[in-house]
Amino acid sequence: MIDIRQLRYFLAIADAPSISAAAQSIGVAQPSLSQHIQRMEEELGVKLMDRSPRGTLLTQEGHVFVDHARRICDSLDRCIADMRELGGVVRGRVGFGMPPSCSMVMSVPLAETVRLELPEVRLRAVEAMSGYLKTWIEDGTVDIGFLYDLTDAGQLRATHVMDEELFFYSAPDAWPLDTPPGTPVPLAELQTLDMILPSNGLRNTIEGYCSKAGIKLNVVVEMDAMTQIKELVARGSGYTIFAPVAAQDFVQRGELLRAPIVAPTMMRPVYLVSNPARVMTRACRAVEQVTLDVARELVQRGIWEGTLV
């Protein structure tokens, strides 16, 4: 029967250039380490490593086994840490992923609240596009995060936090329509405009609405950089569609003008997501609850425009 010690030995070898180097790093005699690997291979009925004078290389089966071994050892470590925390102070590290627009409104108040209410928790907030965040949540790079699109999200556990309305944005001196600046814009009227859009989850939402309405936008620039899109639109180089939270800084400075989109109104969901296949520590669960509380307060105060679910 393979035990946790053998799994840790195997991971040590997989991470080292040779069995001798692994033996030295974990303080186990090389012959004993070799015997452990041999017994594992016999029990599994597959070859895990190819050995040569130049070192060890994982076989295809070995690479698969490494993935399983890491998950098992990581889960056990989390279990031990969680058990030790029970009845005591909530402590630990929590990785949190946010898309750029969420990060603009959420990262600072969340960090302040965690520091105040969970002083022994170390929050590591990272900002990235939704596609990266989805992968990071799946592989454990981050523990929890915000996502807008659950397409291809597999079995991730999601809490629907709110819905954001999407708006049309123009430079104040480049309003393109006959209607007064800032008045509602029918989606169909955007077909003739030069649009600057990202290629991420927001784009998928926009294209979904357009497809249902039989509308095709004229996208002249694709750019997965929110600040640069706003800069281009503010310079009159085109127009865009964003949620209010993403462009409120430019609107407040008078560099962008926004207008509601109608026929149809475009809404985007916001989800708080984690991976149910990974054990959540008390620290993760506590940060998750704090996140929901902070998000709801921001919406209620009008700082994060949206409709709570």
Protein backbone atom coordinates (compact mmCIF):
# COMPACT_ATOMS: atom_id res chain seq x y z
CA MET A 1 0.00 0.00 0.00
CA ILE A 2 1.42 3.37 -1.02
CA ASP A 3 1.51 5.85 1.87
CA ILE A 4 1.96 9.61 2.15
CA ARG A 5 5.66 9.26 2.94
CA GLN A 6 6.30 7.48 -0.35
CA LEU A 7 4.38 10.16 -2.20
CA ARG A 8 6.55 12.86 -0.64
CA TYR A 9 9.70 10.91 -1.50
CA PHE A 10 8.51 10.58 -5.09
CA LEU A 11 7.81 14.33 -5.35
CA ALA A 12 11.26 15.08 -3.95
CA ILE A 13 12.84 12.96 -6.68
CA ALA A 14 10.62 14.49 -9.36
CA ASP A 15 11.72 17.98 -8.31
CA ALA A 16 15.44 17.12 -8.11
CA PRO A 17 17.91 16.52 -10.96
CA SER A 18 18.79 13.05 -9.65
CA ILE A 19 17.95 10.51 -6.94
CA SER A 20 21.21 11.31 -5.14
CA ALA A 21 20.31 15.02 -5.05
CA ALA A 22 16.83 14.20 -3.76
CA ALA A 23 18.28 11.88 -1.10
CA GLN A 24 20.57 14.64 0.10
CA SER A 25 17.81 17.25 0.21
CA ILE A 26 15.43 15.15 2.35
CA GLY A 27 18.04 13.29 4.40
CA VAL A 28 17.29 9.76 3.22
CA ALA A 29 19.88 7.27 2.02
CA GLN A 30 19.93 6.94 -1.77
CA PRO A 31 19.54 3.11 -1.80
CA SER A 32 16.52 3.38 0.49
CA LEU A 33 14.97 6.04 -1.76
CA SER A 34 15.53 3.90 -4.84
CA GLN A 35 13.85 0.95 -3.13
CA HIS A 36 10.81 3.09 -2.29
CA ILE A 37 10.40 4.03 -5.97
CA GLN A 38 10.88 0.43 -7.08
CA ARG A 39 8.19 -0.81 -4.68
CA MET A 40 5.78 1.90 -5.90
CA GLU A 41 6.39 0.91 -9.51
CA GLU A 42 5.78 -2.75 -8.68
CA GLU A 43 2.54 -1.96 -6.85
CA LEU A 44 1.26 0.35 -9.60
CA GLY A 45 2.41 -1.90 -12.41
CA VAL A 46 3.95 0.98 -14.37
CA LYS A 47 7.36 2.55 -14.75
CA LEU A 48 7.46 5.99 -13.17
CA MET A 49 11.04 7.04 -13.94
CA ASP A 50 13.81 6.38 -16.41
CA ARG A 51 17.21 6.30 -14.73
CA SER A 52 20.50 7.08 -16.44
CA PRO A 53 23.98 8.31 -15.48
CA ARG A 54 22.74 11.82 -16.27
CA GLY A 55 19.90 11.67 -13.75
CA THR A 56 16.22 10.71 -13.69
CA LEU A 57 13.41 11.56 -16.09
CA LEU A 58 9.72 11.04 -15.47
CA THR A 59 7.89 8.73 -17.82
CA GLN A 60 4.46 9.66 -19.15
CA GLU A 61 2.94 7.65 -16.30
CA GLY A 62 5.28 9.43 -13.90
CA HIS A 63 4.01 12.84 -14.96
CA VAL A 64 0.41 11.74 -14.33
CA PHE A 65 1.39 10.32 -10.95
CA VAL A 66 3.15 13.57 -9.99
CA ASP A 67 -0.07 15.54 -10.52
CA HIS A 68 -2.04 13.16 -8.31
CA ALA A 69 0.69 13.06 -5.66
CA ARG A 70 0.86 16.85 -5.43
CA ARG A 71 -2.90 17.13 -5.00
CA ILE A 72 -2.95 14.45 -2.30
CA CYS A 73 -0.03 15.97 -0.35
CA ASP A 74 -1.40 19.48 -0.70
CA SER A 75 -4.83 18.36 0.48
CA LEU A 76 -3.33 16.64 3.51
CA ASP A 77 -1.26 19.72 4.37
CA ARG A 78 -4.36 21.88 4.16
CA CYS A 79 -6.30 19.42 6.30
CA ILE A 80 -3.61 19.44 8.99
CA ALA A 81 -3.44 23.25 8.96
CA ASP A 82 -7.22 23.52 9.16
CA MET A 83 -7.46 21.08 12.05
CA ARG A 84 -4.78 22.95 13.98
CA GLU A 85 -6.71 26.18 13.50
CA LEU A 86 -10.03 24.83 14.78
CA GLY A 87 -11.05 26.57 17.94
CA GLY A 88 -8.29 29.12 17.56
CA VAL A 89 -7.57 32.28 15.65
CA VAL A 90 -8.23 32.13 11.92
CA ARG A 91 -4.87 32.38 10.21
CA GLY A 92 -3.18 31.43 6.98
CA ARG A 93 -2.53 32.61 3.44
CA VAL A 94 -5.27 33.20 0.88
CA GLY A 95 -4.70 33.83 -2.81
CA PHE A 96 -7.41 35.97 -4.42
CA GLY A 97 -7.74 36.61 -8.16
CA MET A 98 -9.58 39.60 -9.63
CA PRO A 99 -10.18 40.87 -13.16
CA PRO A 100 -8.90 44.44 -13.62
CA SER A 101 -12.33 46.10 -13.39
CA CYS A 102 -13.18 44.28 -10.15
CA SER A 103 -9.76 45.07 -8.75
CA MET A 104 -10.28 48.80 -9.30
CA VAL A 105 -13.19 48.94 -6.89
CA MET A 106 -12.67 45.89 -4.68
CA SER A 107 -8.99 45.26 -3.95
CA VAL A 108 -8.36 48.16 -1.54
CA PRO A 109 -11.52 47.88 0.63
CA LEU A 110 -11.15 44.07 0.75
CA ALA A 111 -7.50 44.31 1.81
CA GLU A 112 -8.37 46.86 4.50
CA THR A 113 -11.28 44.79 5.81
CA VAL A 114 -9.29 41.55 5.93
CA ARG A 115 -6.47 43.30 7.77
CA LEU A 116 -8.94 44.70 10.30
CA GLU A 117 -11.22 41.69 10.82
CA LEU A 118 -8.78 38.84 10.11
CA PRO A 119 -5.40 40.13 11.31
CA GLU A 120 -3.71 36.71 11.15
CA VAL A 121 -4.74 36.12 7.52
CA ARG A 122 -2.30 37.09 4.79
CA LEU A 123 -4.19 38.08 1.65
CA ARG A 124 -2.37 37.86 -1.69
CA ALA A 125 -4.46 39.64 -4.31
CA VAL A 126 -3.52 39.19 -7.96
CA GLU A 127 -5.01 40.93 -11.00
CA ALA A 128 -5.39 39.20 -14.36
CA MET A 129 -7.78 38.62 -17.24
CA SER A 130 -10.60 36.15 -16.60
CA GLY A 131 -9.07 33.41 -18.75
CA TYR A 132 -5.95 33.30 -16.60
CA LEU A 133 -7.96 33.49 -13.37
CA LYS A 134 -10.08 30.51 -14.36
CA THR A 135 -6.97 28.39 -14.88
CA TRP A 136 -5.38 29.63 -11.65
CA ILE A 137 -8.48 28.74 -9.63
CA GLU A 138 -8.54 25.28 -11.19
CA ASP A 139 -4.86 24.54 -10.51
CA GLY A 140 -4.73 26.16 -7.05
CA THR A 141 -2.53 29.14 -7.93
CA VAL A 142 -5.23 31.22 -6.24
CA ASP A 143 -7.85 29.97 -3.80
CA ILE A 144 -10.83 32.11 -4.76
CA GLY A 145 -11.60 34.81 -7.31
CA PHE A 146 -14.13 36.83 -9.27
CA LEU A 147 -15.22 35.66 -12.71
CA TYR A 148 -17.72 37.11 -15.17
CA ASP A 149 -18.10 34.12 -17.45
CA LEU A 150 -18.56 30.51 -16.32
CA THR A 151 -18.32 29.08 -19.84
CA ASP A 152 -15.81 26.20 -19.77
CA ALA A 153 -15.50 26.65 -16.00
CA GLY A 154 -16.07 22.94 -15.41
CA GLN A 155 -17.20 22.09 -11.90
CA LEU A 156 -16.07 25.29 -10.19
CA ARG A 157 -18.27 26.36 -7.28
CA ALA A 158 -19.79 29.77 -7.99
CA THR A 159 -21.80 32.27 -5.96
CA HIS A 160 -23.74 34.73 -8.15
CA VAL A 161 -23.00 38.01 -6.38
CA MET A 162 -24.47 40.68 -8.65
CA ASP A 163 -25.28 41.78 -12.21
CA GLU A 164 -23.62 44.78 -13.86
CA GLU A 165 -25.19 46.79 -16.68
CA LEU A 166 -22.91 47.50 -19.64
CA PHE A 167 -22.69 51.06 -21.03
CA PHE A 168 -21.54 52.72 -24.25
CA TYR A 169 -18.52 55.05 -23.90
CA SER A 170 -17.43 57.95 -26.08
CA ALA A 171 -15.12 60.93 -25.82
CA PRO A 172 -17.28 63.93 -24.80
CA ASP A 173 -16.33 65.84 -27.96
CA ALA A 174 -16.76 62.83 -30.26
CA TRP A 175 -20.39 61.83 -29.61
CA PRO A 176 -21.29 59.98 -32.82
CA LEU A 177 -25.10 59.96 -32.85
CA ASP A 178 -27.84 62.47 -33.67
CA THR A 179 -29.41 62.07 -30.24
CA PRO A 180 -28.18 64.26 -27.35
CA PRO A 181 -24.92 63.05 -25.71
CA GLY A 182 -25.50 60.57 -22.92
CA THR A 183 -29.02 59.54 -23.96
CA PRO A 184 -29.84 55.82 -24.33
CA VAL A 185 -28.28 54.20 -27.40
CA PRO A 186 -29.99 51.30 -29.24
CA LEU A 187 -27.51 48.47 -29.70
CA ALA A 188 -28.24 48.40 -33.46
CA GLU A 189 -26.90 51.95 -33.85
CA LEU A 190 -23.44 50.82 -32.74
CA GLN A 191 -22.99 48.77 -35.93
CA THR A 192 -21.72 51.77 -37.91
CA LEU A 193 -19.19 52.89 -35.29
CA ASP A 194 -15.50 52.02 -34.92
CA MET A 195 -15.46 49.90 -31.78
CA ILE A 196 -12.45 49.16 -29.56
CA LEU A 197 -13.07 46.02 -27.51
CA PRO A 198 -11.15 43.40 -25.53
CA SER A 199 -11.09 39.73 -26.54
CA ASN A 200 -11.79 38.37 -23.05
CA GLY A 201 -14.95 37.40 -21.15
CA LEU A 202 -16.51 40.85 -21.57
CA ARG A 203 -16.24 40.44 -25.33
CA ASN A 204 -18.03 37.08 -25.10
CA THR A 205 -20.90 38.73 -23.24
CA ILE A 206 -21.15 41.55 -25.79
CA GLU A 207 -21.01 39.16 -28.76
CA GLY A 208 -23.70 36.99 -27.15
CA TYR A 209 -26.15 39.90 -27.03
CA CYS A 210 -25.24 40.98 -30.57
CA SER A 211 -25.70 37.47 -31.93
CA LYS A 212 -29.19 37.19 -30.43
CA ALA A 213 -30.12 40.58 -31.91
CA GLY A 214 -28.63 39.83 -35.33
CA ILE A 215 -26.11 42.63 -34.95
CA LYS A 216 -22.44 42.67 -36.00
CA LEU A 217 -20.17 45.29 -34.50
CA ASN A 218 -17.32 46.87 -36.45
CA VAL A 219 -14.37 46.10 -34.16
CA VAL A 220 -11.36 48.04 -35.43
CA VAL A 221 -9.05 47.36 -32.47
CA GLU A 222 -8.85 44.40 -30.08
CA MET A 223 -6.87 45.09 -26.92
CA ASP A 224 -6.77 43.21 -23.62
CA ALA A 225 -5.62 46.28 -21.72
CA MET A 226 -8.41 48.21 -20.07
CA THR A 227 -6.52 51.44 -19.41
CA GLN A 228 -5.25 51.64 -22.99
CA ILE A 229 -8.77 51.10 -24.37
CA LYS A 230 -10.03 53.99 -22.25
CA GLU A 231 -7.13 56.17 -23.41
CA LEU A 232 -7.88 55.46 -27.06
CA VAL A 233 -11.59 56.21 -26.66
CA ALA A 234 -10.85 59.40 -24.69
CA ARG A 235 -8.65 60.52 -27.62
CA GLY A 236 -11.53 60.00 -30.05
CA SER A 237 -9.99 56.97 -31.76
CA GLY A 238 -13.12 54.87 -31.37
CA TYR A 239 -15.84 53.77 -28.95
CA THR A 240 -16.20 50.99 -26.42
CA ILE A 241 -18.52 49.09 -24.09
CA PHE A 242 -17.66 48.67 -20.41
CA ALA A 243 -19.27 48.11 -17.04
CA PRO A 244 -19.37 51.38 -15.04
CA VAL A 245 -16.79 50.20 -12.50
CA ALA A 246 -14.19 49.84 -15.26
CA ALA A 247 -14.44 53.43 -16.51
CA GLN A 248 -15.60 55.46 -13.53
CA ASP A 249 -12.17 57.09 -13.14
CA PHE A 250 -12.24 58.52 -16.69
CA VAL A 251 -15.90 59.54 -16.37
CA GLN A 252 -15.26 61.37 -13.10
CA ARG A 253 -12.41 63.30 -14.73
CA GLY A 254 -14.64 64.22 -17.67
CA GLU A 255 -12.50 62.29 -20.17
CA LEU A 256 -15.26 59.84 -21.11
CA LEU A 257 -19.01 60.12 -21.54
CA ARG A 258 -21.26 57.13 -20.93
CA ALA A 259 -24.73 56.23 -22.16
CA PRO A 260 -27.07 53.30 -21.43
CA ILE A 261 -27.46 50.68 -24.15
CA VAL A 262 -31.04 49.67 -24.93
CA ALA A 263 -32.89 47.26 -27.19
CA PRO A 264 -31.59 45.21 -25.48
CA THR A 265 -30.11 46.28 -22.15
CA MET A 266 -26.85 44.39 -21.69
CA MET A 267 -26.11 42.78 -18.30
CA ARG A 268 -23.04 40.94 -17.07
CA PRO A 269 -23.04 38.58 -14.05
CA VAL A 270 -20.33 38.67 -11.39
CA TYR A 271 -19.46 35.37 -9.66
CA LEU A 272 -17.28 34.57 -6.67
CA VAL A 273 -15.65 31.28 -7.57
CA SER A 274 -13.60 28.53 -5.92
CA ASN A 275 -12.58 24.98 -6.77
CA PRO A 276 -14.61 22.36 -4.85
CA ALA A 277 -11.94 19.76 -5.62
CA ARG A 278 -9.54 21.62 -3.33
CA VAL A 279 -10.04 21.76 0.43
CA MET A 280 -10.80 25.30 1.61
CA THR A 281 -9.10 26.36 4.83
CA ARG A 282 -10.86 28.36 7.50
CA ALA A 283 -8.90 31.38 6.27
CA CYS A 284 -10.27 30.93 2.74
CA ARG A 285 -13.82 30.54 3.99
CA ALA A 286 -13.48 33.61 6.19
CA VAL A 287 -12.10 35.73 3.31
CA GLU A 288 -14.90 34.47 1.07
CA GLN A 289 -17.52 35.69 3.56
CA VAL A 290 -15.76 39.03 4.04
CA THR A 291 -15.63 39.44 0.25
CA LEU A 292 -19.39 38.96 -0.08
CA ASP A 293 -20.00 41.45 2.74
CA VAL A 294 -17.69 44.08 1.21
CA ALA A 295 -19.15 43.62 -2.29
CA ARG A 296 -22.70 44.03 -1.02
CA GLU A 297 -21.77 47.15 0.94
CA LEU A 298 -20.08 48.69 -2.11
CA VAL A 299 -23.18 48.05 -4.22
CA GLN A 300 -25.53 49.42 -1.58
CA ARG A 301 -23.42 52.59 -1.28
CA GLY A 302 -23.42 53.03 -5.07
CA ILE A 303 -19.64 52.67 -5.35
CA TRP A 304 -19.94 49.44 -7.36
CA GLU A 305 -22.86 49.92 -9.74
CA GLY A 306 -24.95 46.80 -10.11
CA THR A 307 -27.90 44.78 -8.89
CA LEU A 308 -27.34 42.39 -6.00
CA VAL A 309 -28.55 38.84 -6.49
